[in-house]
Amino acid sequence: MINQHEVPAFITDRLPEISSDMKQALCAGNTQAIPVYKSIQVLADFTRRMAVEHNFSMVKKCMKLVDRIYEKGNQAVQLAVENVFVFSFSSLIGSCNLLECRIMQSYMPVRLYTLYVQQVLKSNN
């Protein structure tokens, strides 16, 4: 099981391209912020950037990584994924055209897409 303190290293070990962004985010700004939330935000921002750059193979890799983090994470990690990464799906989908949206939706793991749909349904009530 991955705890909230292990998430930054777990991400950078599997996605070295994000390590400088991760270091910058964890060292800068509000020291009171919870590192797991900042780490997941860095991953969400990176995923969005890859989508804008049409690097869909990297988007797919990010989606698989966040799904693994959610699957292996403790409750605090899972909440961070739900509140940051899954919540960012709307802006991620909103930054692309219809074809790109379909491609990205196909990369979203079923577990995370289900959480996203639940969030959308709750916000509409």
N, C-alpha and C. Protein backbone atom coordinates (compact mmCIF):
# COMPACT_ATOMS: atom_id res chain seq x y z
N MET A 1 0.84 -1.18 0.00
CA MET A 1 0.00 0.00 0.00
C MET A 1 0.89 1.25 0.00
N ILE A 2 0.51 2.22 -0.81
CA ILE A 2 1.24 3.48 -0.91
C ILE A 2 0.61 4.48 0.05
N ASN A 3 1.44 5.10 0.90
CA ASN A 3 0.90 6.13 1.76
C ASN A 3 1.17 7.50 1.16
N GLN A 4 0.59 8.53 1.75
CA GLN A 4 0.65 9.86 1.20
C GLN A 4 2.06 10.44 1.12
N HIS A 5 2.97 9.93 1.93
CA HIS A 5 4.34 10.42 1.93
C HIS A 5 5.17 9.79 0.80
N GLU A 6 4.72 8.68 0.27
CA GLU A 6 5.44 7.96 -0.77
C GLU A 6 5.04 8.38 -2.19
N VAL A 7 3.96 9.11 -2.32
CA VAL A 7 3.43 9.45 -3.64
C VAL A 7 4.41 10.24 -4.51
N PRO A 8 5.06 11.30 -4.01
CA PRO A 8 5.98 12.03 -4.90
C PRO A 8 7.07 11.15 -5.50
N ALA A 9 7.68 10.31 -4.69
CA ALA A 9 8.73 9.41 -5.19
C ALA A 9 8.15 8.36 -6.13
N PHE A 10 6.97 7.86 -5.82
CA PHE A 10 6.31 6.86 -6.67
C PHE A 10 6.08 7.44 -8.06
N ILE A 11 5.63 8.69 -8.12
CA ILE A 11 5.38 9.33 -9.41
C ILE A 11 6.68 9.56 -10.17
N THR A 12 7.66 10.16 -9.52
CA THR A 12 8.90 10.50 -10.23
C THR A 12 9.71 9.27 -10.62
N ASP A 13 9.60 8.19 -9.86
CA ASP A 13 10.28 6.95 -10.24
C ASP A 13 9.72 6.38 -11.54
N ARG A 14 8.43 6.53 -11.74
CA ARG A 14 7.77 5.95 -12.90
C ARG A 14 7.59 6.93 -14.05
N LEU A 15 7.78 8.20 -13.77
CA LEU A 15 7.62 9.24 -14.77
C LEU A 15 8.73 10.29 -14.57
N PRO A 16 9.97 9.95 -14.94
CA PRO A 16 11.09 10.86 -14.70
C PRO A 16 10.93 12.23 -15.36
N GLU A 17 10.13 12.31 -16.41
CA GLU A 17 9.92 13.57 -17.11
C GLU A 17 9.29 14.64 -16.22
N ILE A 18 8.73 14.22 -15.13
CA ILE A 18 7.99 15.14 -14.25
C ILE A 18 8.82 15.56 -13.03
N SER A 19 10.01 15.02 -12.88
CA SER A 19 10.77 15.22 -11.64
C SER A 19 11.11 16.68 -11.36
N SER A 20 11.46 17.47 -12.36
CA SER A 20 11.78 18.87 -12.09
C SER A 20 10.53 19.64 -11.68
N ASP A 21 9.40 19.36 -12.31
CA ASP A 21 8.14 20.00 -11.92
C ASP A 21 7.77 19.62 -10.48
N MET A 22 8.00 18.36 -10.15
CA MET A 22 7.66 17.87 -8.81
C MET A 22 8.53 18.55 -7.75
N LYS A 23 9.83 18.62 -8.01
CA LYS A 23 10.73 19.27 -7.04
C LYS A 23 10.35 20.73 -6.85
N GLN A 24 10.06 21.41 -7.95
CA GLN A 24 9.69 22.82 -7.87
C GLN A 24 8.41 23.00 -7.08
N ALA A 25 7.42 22.18 -7.32
CA ALA A 25 6.14 22.30 -6.62
C ALA A 25 6.26 22.00 -5.13
N LEU A 26 7.06 21.01 -4.80
CA LEU A 26 7.18 20.61 -3.39
C LEU A 26 8.07 21.56 -2.59
N CYS A 27 8.96 22.27 -3.28
CA CYS A 27 9.87 23.19 -2.58
C CYS A 27 9.34 24.61 -2.51
N ALA A 28 8.43 24.96 -3.41
CA ALA A 28 7.95 26.34 -3.50
C ALA A 28 6.60 26.50 -2.83
N GLY A 29 6.30 27.72 -2.56
CA GLY A 29 4.95 28.08 -2.13
C GLY A 29 4.63 27.72 -0.70
N ASN A 30 3.41 27.38 -0.49
CA ASN A 30 2.84 27.14 0.83
C ASN A 30 3.39 25.85 1.44
N THR A 31 4.15 25.98 2.51
CA THR A 31 4.71 24.80 3.16
C THR A 31 3.65 24.04 3.96
N GLN A 32 2.48 24.65 4.15
CA GLN A 32 1.40 23.99 4.87
C GLN A 32 0.62 23.03 3.98
N ALA A 33 0.77 23.18 2.66
CA ALA A 33 0.02 22.32 1.73
C ALA A 33 0.46 20.87 1.89
N ILE A 34 -0.46 19.98 1.68
CA ILE A 34 -0.19 18.56 1.86
C ILE A 34 0.53 18.03 0.61
N PRO A 35 1.72 17.45 0.77
CA PRO A 35 2.51 17.01 -0.39
C PRO A 35 1.78 16.07 -1.35
N VAL A 36 0.93 15.20 -0.84
CA VAL A 36 0.24 14.27 -1.74
C VAL A 36 -0.67 15.04 -2.69
N TYR A 37 -1.33 16.07 -2.21
CA TYR A 37 -2.21 16.87 -3.07
C TYR A 37 -1.39 17.64 -4.10
N LYS A 38 -0.27 18.21 -3.67
CA LYS A 38 0.59 18.93 -4.61
C LYS A 38 1.15 17.98 -5.67
N SER A 39 1.52 16.78 -5.25
CA SER A 39 2.08 15.80 -6.18
C SER A 39 1.05 15.38 -7.22
N ILE A 40 -0.16 15.14 -6.79
CA ILE A 40 -1.22 14.75 -7.72
C ILE A 40 -1.56 15.92 -8.64
N GLN A 41 -1.49 17.15 -8.13
CA GLN A 41 -1.74 18.33 -8.96
C GLN A 41 -0.67 18.46 -10.04
N VAL A 42 0.58 18.20 -9.68
CA VAL A 42 1.67 18.24 -10.67
C VAL A 42 1.40 17.20 -11.76
N LEU A 43 0.98 16.02 -11.37
CA LEU A 43 0.67 14.97 -12.34
C LEU A 43 -0.52 15.37 -13.22
N ALA A 44 -1.53 15.97 -12.64
CA ALA A 44 -2.70 16.43 -13.42
C ALA A 44 -2.29 17.53 -14.41
N ASP A 45 -1.47 18.47 -13.95
CA ASP A 45 -1.02 19.55 -14.83
C ASP A 45 -0.17 19.01 -15.98
N PHE A 46 0.70 18.07 -15.66
CA PHE A 46 1.55 17.45 -16.69
C PHE A 46 0.68 16.71 -17.72
N THR A 47 -0.31 15.99 -17.23
CA THR A 47 -1.21 15.26 -18.13
C THR A 47 -1.94 16.23 -19.05
N ARG A 48 -2.42 17.32 -18.50
CA ARG A 48 -3.12 18.33 -19.30
C ARG A 48 -2.17 18.92 -20.35
N ARG A 49 -0.95 19.22 -19.94
CA ARG A 49 0.05 19.76 -20.88
C ARG A 49 0.33 18.78 -22.01
N MET A 50 0.43 17.49 -21.68
CA MET A 50 0.68 16.48 -22.71
C MET A 50 -0.52 16.39 -23.67
N ALA A 51 -1.73 16.55 -23.15
CA ALA A 51 -2.92 16.52 -24.00
C ALA A 51 -2.92 17.71 -24.96
N VAL A 52 -2.59 18.88 -24.45
CA VAL A 52 -2.54 20.08 -25.29
C VAL A 52 -1.48 19.94 -26.37
N GLU A 53 -0.38 19.27 -26.03
CA GLU A 53 0.71 19.05 -27.00
C GLU A 53 0.44 17.84 -27.90
N HIS A 54 -0.72 17.21 -27.73
CA HIS A 54 -1.12 16.03 -28.52
C HIS A 54 -0.18 14.84 -28.33
N ASN A 55 0.41 14.75 -27.16
CA ASN A 55 1.27 13.62 -26.82
C ASN A 55 0.40 12.59 -26.10
N PHE A 56 -0.44 11.90 -26.87
CA PHE A 56 -1.43 11.01 -26.28
C PHE A 56 -0.83 9.74 -25.70
N SER A 57 0.35 9.34 -26.18
CA SER A 57 0.99 8.18 -25.56
C SER A 57 1.41 8.52 -24.13
N MET A 58 1.82 9.77 -23.90
CA MET A 58 2.18 10.18 -22.54
C MET A 58 0.91 10.37 -21.68
N VAL A 59 -0.17 10.84 -22.29
CA VAL A 59 -1.44 10.95 -21.57
C VAL A 59 -1.86 9.56 -21.09
N LYS A 60 -1.75 8.58 -21.97
CA LYS A 60 -2.11 7.21 -21.61
C LYS A 60 -1.24 6.71 -20.45
N LYS A 61 0.05 7.00 -20.50
CA LYS A 61 0.98 6.58 -19.44
C LYS A 61 0.60 7.24 -18.11
N CYS A 62 0.24 8.52 -18.16
CA CYS A 62 -0.16 9.24 -16.95
C CYS A 62 -1.44 8.65 -16.36
N MET A 63 -2.39 8.34 -17.23
CA MET A 63 -3.65 7.76 -16.77
C MET A 63 -3.42 6.41 -16.09
N LYS A 64 -2.57 5.60 -16.68
CA LYS A 64 -2.26 4.30 -16.07
C LYS A 64 -1.57 4.49 -14.72
N LEU A 65 -0.68 5.47 -14.66
CA LEU A 65 0.03 5.73 -13.41
C LEU A 65 -0.92 6.18 -12.31
N VAL A 66 -1.80 7.11 -12.62
CA VAL A 66 -2.72 7.59 -11.58
C VAL A 66 -3.69 6.49 -11.16
N ASP A 67 -4.07 5.63 -12.09
CA ASP A 67 -4.92 4.50 -11.73
C ASP A 67 -4.20 3.56 -10.77
N ARG A 68 -2.93 3.33 -11.03
CA ARG A 68 -2.14 2.46 -10.13
C ARG A 68 -1.98 3.11 -8.76
N ILE A 69 -1.75 4.41 -8.75
CA ILE A 69 -1.65 5.13 -7.47
C ILE A 69 -2.95 4.97 -6.69
N TYR A 70 -4.07 5.13 -7.38
CA TYR A 70 -5.38 5.01 -6.72
C TYR A 70 -5.59 3.59 -6.20
N GLU A 71 -5.25 2.62 -7.02
CA GLU A 71 -5.45 1.22 -6.65
C GLU A 71 -4.59 0.83 -5.45
N LYS A 72 -3.34 1.28 -5.43
CA LYS A 72 -2.40 0.87 -4.39
C LYS A 72 -2.37 1.83 -3.19
N GLY A 73 -3.02 2.98 -3.33
CA GLY A 73 -2.94 4.00 -2.30
C GLY A 73 -3.83 3.75 -1.11
N ASN A 74 -3.43 4.32 0.02
CA ASN A 74 -4.28 4.27 1.20
C ASN A 74 -5.43 5.28 1.02
N GLN A 75 -6.25 5.43 2.02
CA GLN A 75 -7.44 6.28 1.89
C GLN A 75 -7.07 7.73 1.61
N ALA A 76 -6.02 8.23 2.25
CA ALA A 76 -5.59 9.62 2.03
C ALA A 76 -5.15 9.83 0.58
N VAL A 77 -4.45 8.86 0.03
CA VAL A 77 -3.99 8.93 -1.35
C VAL A 77 -5.19 8.88 -2.30
N GLN A 78 -6.11 7.99 -2.02
CA GLN A 78 -7.29 7.87 -2.88
C GLN A 78 -8.11 9.17 -2.87
N LEU A 79 -8.25 9.78 -1.72
CA LEU A 79 -8.97 11.06 -1.64
C LEU A 79 -8.27 12.15 -2.44
N ALA A 80 -6.94 12.17 -2.39
CA ALA A 80 -6.18 13.16 -3.17
C ALA A 80 -6.40 12.95 -4.66
N VAL A 81 -6.38 11.70 -5.10
CA VAL A 81 -6.62 11.40 -6.52
C VAL A 81 -8.02 11.85 -6.92
N GLU A 82 -9.01 11.53 -6.09
CA GLU A 82 -10.39 11.91 -6.40
C GLU A 82 -10.57 13.43 -6.42
N ASN A 83 -10.00 14.10 -5.44
CA ASN A 83 -10.22 15.55 -5.29
C ASN A 83 -9.37 16.40 -6.22
N VAL A 84 -8.29 15.86 -6.72
CA VAL A 84 -7.41 16.64 -7.59
C VAL A 84 -7.45 16.11 -9.02
N PHE A 85 -6.99 14.88 -9.22
CA PHE A 85 -6.86 14.37 -10.58
C PHE A 85 -8.21 14.13 -11.24
N VAL A 86 -9.07 13.40 -10.58
CA VAL A 86 -10.38 13.10 -11.17
C VAL A 86 -11.17 14.39 -11.37
N PHE A 87 -11.07 15.31 -10.42
CA PHE A 87 -11.74 16.60 -10.54
C PHE A 87 -11.24 17.37 -11.75
N SER A 88 -9.98 17.17 -12.13
CA SER A 88 -9.39 17.89 -13.26
C SER A 88 -9.83 17.35 -14.62
N PHE A 89 -10.54 16.22 -14.65
CA PHE A 89 -10.98 15.64 -15.92
C PHE A 89 -11.80 16.63 -16.75
N SER A 90 -12.64 17.42 -16.09
CA SER A 90 -13.47 18.38 -16.83
C SER A 90 -12.62 19.38 -17.60
N SER A 91 -11.61 19.93 -16.95
CA SER A 91 -10.75 20.89 -17.66
C SER A 91 -9.88 20.18 -18.69
N LEU A 92 -9.52 18.95 -18.42
CA LEU A 92 -8.73 18.17 -19.37
C LEU A 92 -9.54 17.91 -20.64
N ILE A 93 -10.77 17.50 -20.45
CA ILE A 93 -11.65 17.24 -21.59
C ILE A 93 -12.02 18.54 -22.30
N GLY A 94 -12.17 19.61 -21.53
CA GLY A 94 -12.52 20.90 -22.11
C GLY A 94 -11.43 21.53 -22.94
N SER A 95 -10.20 21.02 -22.82
CA SER A 95 -9.08 21.61 -23.55
C SER A 95 -8.83 20.93 -24.90
N CYS A 96 -9.78 20.14 -25.37
CA CYS A 96 -9.55 19.40 -26.61
C CYS A 96 -10.79 19.42 -27.50
N ASN A 97 -10.58 19.03 -28.75
CA ASN A 97 -11.72 18.92 -29.67
C ASN A 97 -12.39 17.57 -29.47
N LEU A 98 -13.46 17.32 -30.22
CA LEU A 98 -14.26 16.11 -30.02
C LEU A 98 -13.44 14.83 -30.22
N LEU A 99 -12.65 14.77 -31.26
CA LEU A 99 -11.84 13.57 -31.53
C LEU A 99 -10.82 13.35 -30.41
N GLU A 100 -10.15 14.42 -30.00
CA GLU A 100 -9.18 14.31 -28.91
C GLU A 100 -9.85 13.89 -27.61
N CYS A 101 -11.05 14.39 -27.38
CA CYS A 101 -11.79 14.00 -26.16
C CYS A 101 -12.08 12.50 -26.17
N ARG A 102 -12.48 12.00 -27.30
CA ARG A 102 -12.77 10.56 -27.42
C ARG A 102 -11.50 9.74 -27.16
N ILE A 103 -10.39 10.20 -27.70
CA ILE A 103 -9.11 9.51 -27.49
C ILE A 103 -8.78 9.50 -26.00
N MET A 104 -8.89 10.67 -25.36
CA MET A 104 -8.54 10.75 -23.94
C MET A 104 -9.50 9.95 -23.08
N GLN A 105 -10.78 9.96 -23.41
CA GLN A 105 -11.73 9.15 -22.64
C GLN A 105 -11.40 7.67 -22.76
N SER A 106 -10.89 7.26 -23.92
CA SER A 106 -10.54 5.86 -24.08
C SER A 106 -9.34 5.47 -23.21
N TYR A 107 -8.52 6.45 -22.83
CA TYR A 107 -7.37 6.19 -21.97
C TYR A 107 -7.71 6.26 -20.48
N MET A 108 -8.86 6.83 -20.16
CA MET A 108 -9.23 6.94 -18.75
C MET A 108 -9.58 5.57 -18.21
N PRO A 109 -8.90 5.15 -17.17
CA PRO A 109 -9.24 3.86 -16.56
C PRO A 109 -10.69 3.86 -16.07
N VAL A 110 -11.34 2.73 -16.19
CA VAL A 110 -12.76 2.61 -15.85
C VAL A 110 -13.02 3.09 -14.42
N ARG A 111 -12.17 2.70 -13.51
CA ARG A 111 -12.35 3.08 -12.09
C ARG A 111 -12.37 4.60 -11.94
N LEU A 112 -11.44 5.30 -12.59
CA LEU A 112 -11.36 6.75 -12.46
C LEU A 112 -12.47 7.44 -13.23
N TYR A 113 -12.82 6.90 -14.38
CA TYR A 113 -13.92 7.50 -15.15
C TYR A 113 -15.24 7.36 -14.38
N THR A 114 -15.42 6.24 -13.71
CA THR A 114 -16.61 6.04 -12.88
C THR A 114 -16.67 7.08 -11.76
N LEU A 115 -15.53 7.34 -11.12
CA LEU A 115 -15.47 8.36 -10.07
C LEU A 115 -15.80 9.74 -10.65
N TYR A 116 -15.31 10.00 -11.85
CA TYR A 116 -15.59 11.27 -12.51
C TYR A 116 -17.09 11.44 -12.78
N VAL A 117 -17.71 10.42 -13.31
CA VAL A 117 -19.15 10.46 -13.60
C VAL A 117 -19.92 10.69 -12.30
N GLN A 118 -19.52 10.03 -11.21
CA GLN A 118 -20.19 10.23 -9.93
C GLN A 118 -20.05 11.68 -9.46
N GLN A 119 -18.86 12.27 -9.66
CA GLN A 119 -18.65 13.66 -9.28
C GLN A 119 -19.57 14.59 -10.09
N VAL A 120 -19.65 14.33 -11.38
CA VAL A 120 -20.49 15.16 -12.26
C VAL A 120 -21.95 15.05 -11.84
N LEU A 121 -22.40 13.83 -11.58
CA LEU A 121 -23.80 13.62 -11.18
C LEU A 121 -24.10 14.31 -9.84
N LYS A 122 -23.16 14.25 -8.90
CA LYS A 122 -23.37 14.92 -7.62
C LYS A 122 -23.44 16.43 -7.79
N SER A 123 -22.61 16.98 -8.68
CA SER A 123 -22.60 18.42 -8.86
C SER A 123 -23.85 18.93 -9.56
N ASN A 124 -24.54 18.05 -10.27
CA ASN A 124 -25.77 18.44 -10.95
C ASN A 124 -27.00 18.36 -10.06
N ASN A 125 -26.83 17.84 -8.87
CA ASN A 125 -27.98 17.73 -7.94
C ASN A 125 -28.08 18.90 -7.03
